[in-house]
Amino acid sequence: MAEEGQSWDAVIVVRYPDRAAFSRMVADPDYQEVTRLRTEALTEAVLQAITPWS
């Protein structure tokens, strides 16, 4: 559930091989170039790395 003041209407869950792969992706210059499109298109976007439950 979204926190107070947030109005999420969609959630996407993506699985990466490991945290290092995720870190490489967000640091990649090509990713940085296209991520601006998400930023411009959405009111709010949250990119949250998590650890799955056992």
C-alpha atoms as a PDB file:
ATOM      1  CA  MET A   1       0.000   0.000   0.000  1.00  0.00           C
ATOM      2  CA  ALA A   2       1.238   3.468  -0.843  1.00  0.00           C
ATOM      3  CA  GLU A   3       2.222   5.795   1.951  1.00  0.00           C
ATOM      4  CA  GLU A   4      -0.058   8.693   2.874  1.00  0.00           C
ATOM      5  CA  GLY A   5       0.081  11.353   0.191  1.00  0.00           C
ATOM      6  CA  GLN A   6       0.989   8.887  -2.524  1.00  0.00           C
ATOM      7  CA  SER A   7      -1.469   7.684  -5.103  1.00  0.00           C
ATOM      8  CA  TRP A   8       0.046   4.691  -6.858  1.00  0.00           C
ATOM      9  CA  ASP A   9      -1.934   3.118  -9.625  1.00  0.00           C
ATOM     10  CA  ALA A  10       0.639   0.589 -10.827  1.00  0.00           C
ATOM     11  CA  VAL A  11       3.511  -1.448  -9.455  1.00  0.00           C
ATOM     12  CA  ILE A  12       6.077  -3.471 -11.356  1.00  0.00           C
ATOM     13  CA  VAL A  13       8.355  -6.058  -9.779  1.00  0.00           C
ATOM     14  CA  VAL A  14      11.595  -6.984 -11.542  1.00  0.00           C
ATOM     15  CA  ARG A  15      14.083  -9.627 -10.470  1.00  0.00           C
ATOM     16  CA  TYR A  16      17.805  -9.234 -11.113  1.00  0.00           C
ATOM     17  CA  PRO A  17      20.464 -11.939 -10.742  1.00  0.00           C
ATOM     18  CA  ASP A  18      21.975 -10.086  -7.777  1.00  0.00           C
ATOM     19  CA  ARG A  19      22.422  -6.612  -6.288  1.00  0.00           C
ATOM     20  CA  ALA A  20      25.609  -6.059  -8.291  1.00  0.00           C
ATOM     21  CA  ALA A  21      23.658  -6.501 -11.550  1.00  0.00           C
ATOM     22  CA  PHE A  22      21.058  -3.997 -10.342  1.00  0.00           C
ATOM     23  CA  SER A  23      23.789  -1.526  -9.366  1.00  0.00           C
ATOM     24  CA  ARG A  24      25.488  -1.894 -12.746  1.00  0.00           C
ATOM     25  CA  MET A  25      22.191  -1.236 -14.503  1.00  0.00           C
ATOM     26  CA  VAL A  26      21.378   2.002 -12.671  1.00  0.00           C
ATOM     27  CA  ALA A  27      24.973   3.239 -13.073  1.00  0.00           C
ATOM     28  CA  ASP A  28      25.066   2.507 -16.820  1.00  0.00           C
ATOM     29  CA  PRO A  29      25.190   5.706 -18.931  1.00  0.00           C
ATOM     30  CA  ASP A  30      22.640   4.290 -21.408  1.00  0.00           C
ATOM     31  CA  TYR A  31      20.220   3.607 -18.548  1.00  0.00           C
ATOM     32  CA  GLN A  32      20.793   7.102 -17.189  1.00  0.00           C
ATOM     33  CA  GLU A  33      19.892   8.530 -20.589  1.00  0.00           C
ATOM     34  CA  VAL A  34      16.558   6.693 -20.903  1.00  0.00           C
ATOM     35  CA  THR A  35      15.551   6.935 -17.251  1.00  0.00           C
ATOM     36  CA  ARG A  36      14.895  10.625 -17.822  1.00  0.00           C
ATOM     37  CA  LEU A  37      11.934   9.571 -19.990  1.00  0.00           C
ATOM     38  CA  ARG A  38      10.356   7.808 -16.992  1.00  0.00           C
ATOM     39  CA  THR A  39      11.048  10.819 -14.816  1.00  0.00           C
ATOM     40  CA  GLU A  40       9.425  13.163 -17.334  1.00  0.00           C
ATOM     41  CA  ALA A  41       6.413  10.882 -17.925  1.00  0.00           C
ATOM     42  CA  LEU A  42       5.460  10.074 -14.334  1.00  0.00           C
ATOM     43  CA  THR A  43       4.400  12.198 -11.423  1.00  0.00           C
ATOM     44  CA  GLU A  44       6.303   9.887  -9.098  1.00  0.00           C
ATOM     45  CA  ALA A  45       8.480   6.819  -9.581  1.00  0.00           C
ATOM     46  CA  VAL A  46      10.104   4.774  -6.818  1.00  0.00           C
ATOM     47  CA  LEU A  47      12.995   2.464  -7.587  1.00  0.00           C
ATOM     48  CA  GLN A  48      13.436   0.248  -4.545  1.00  0.00           C
ATOM     49  CA  ALA A  49      15.907  -2.608  -4.204  1.00  0.00           C
ATOM     50  CA  ILE A  50      14.702  -5.293  -1.783  1.00  0.00           C
ATOM     51  CA  THR A  51      15.755  -8.708  -0.546  1.00  0.00           C
ATOM     52  CA  PRO A  52      13.207 -11.511  -1.095  1.00  0.00           C
ATOM     53  CA  TRP A  53      11.762 -13.291   1.936  1.00  0.00           C
ATOM     54  CA  SER A  54      13.178 -16.710   2.614  1.00  0.00           C
END
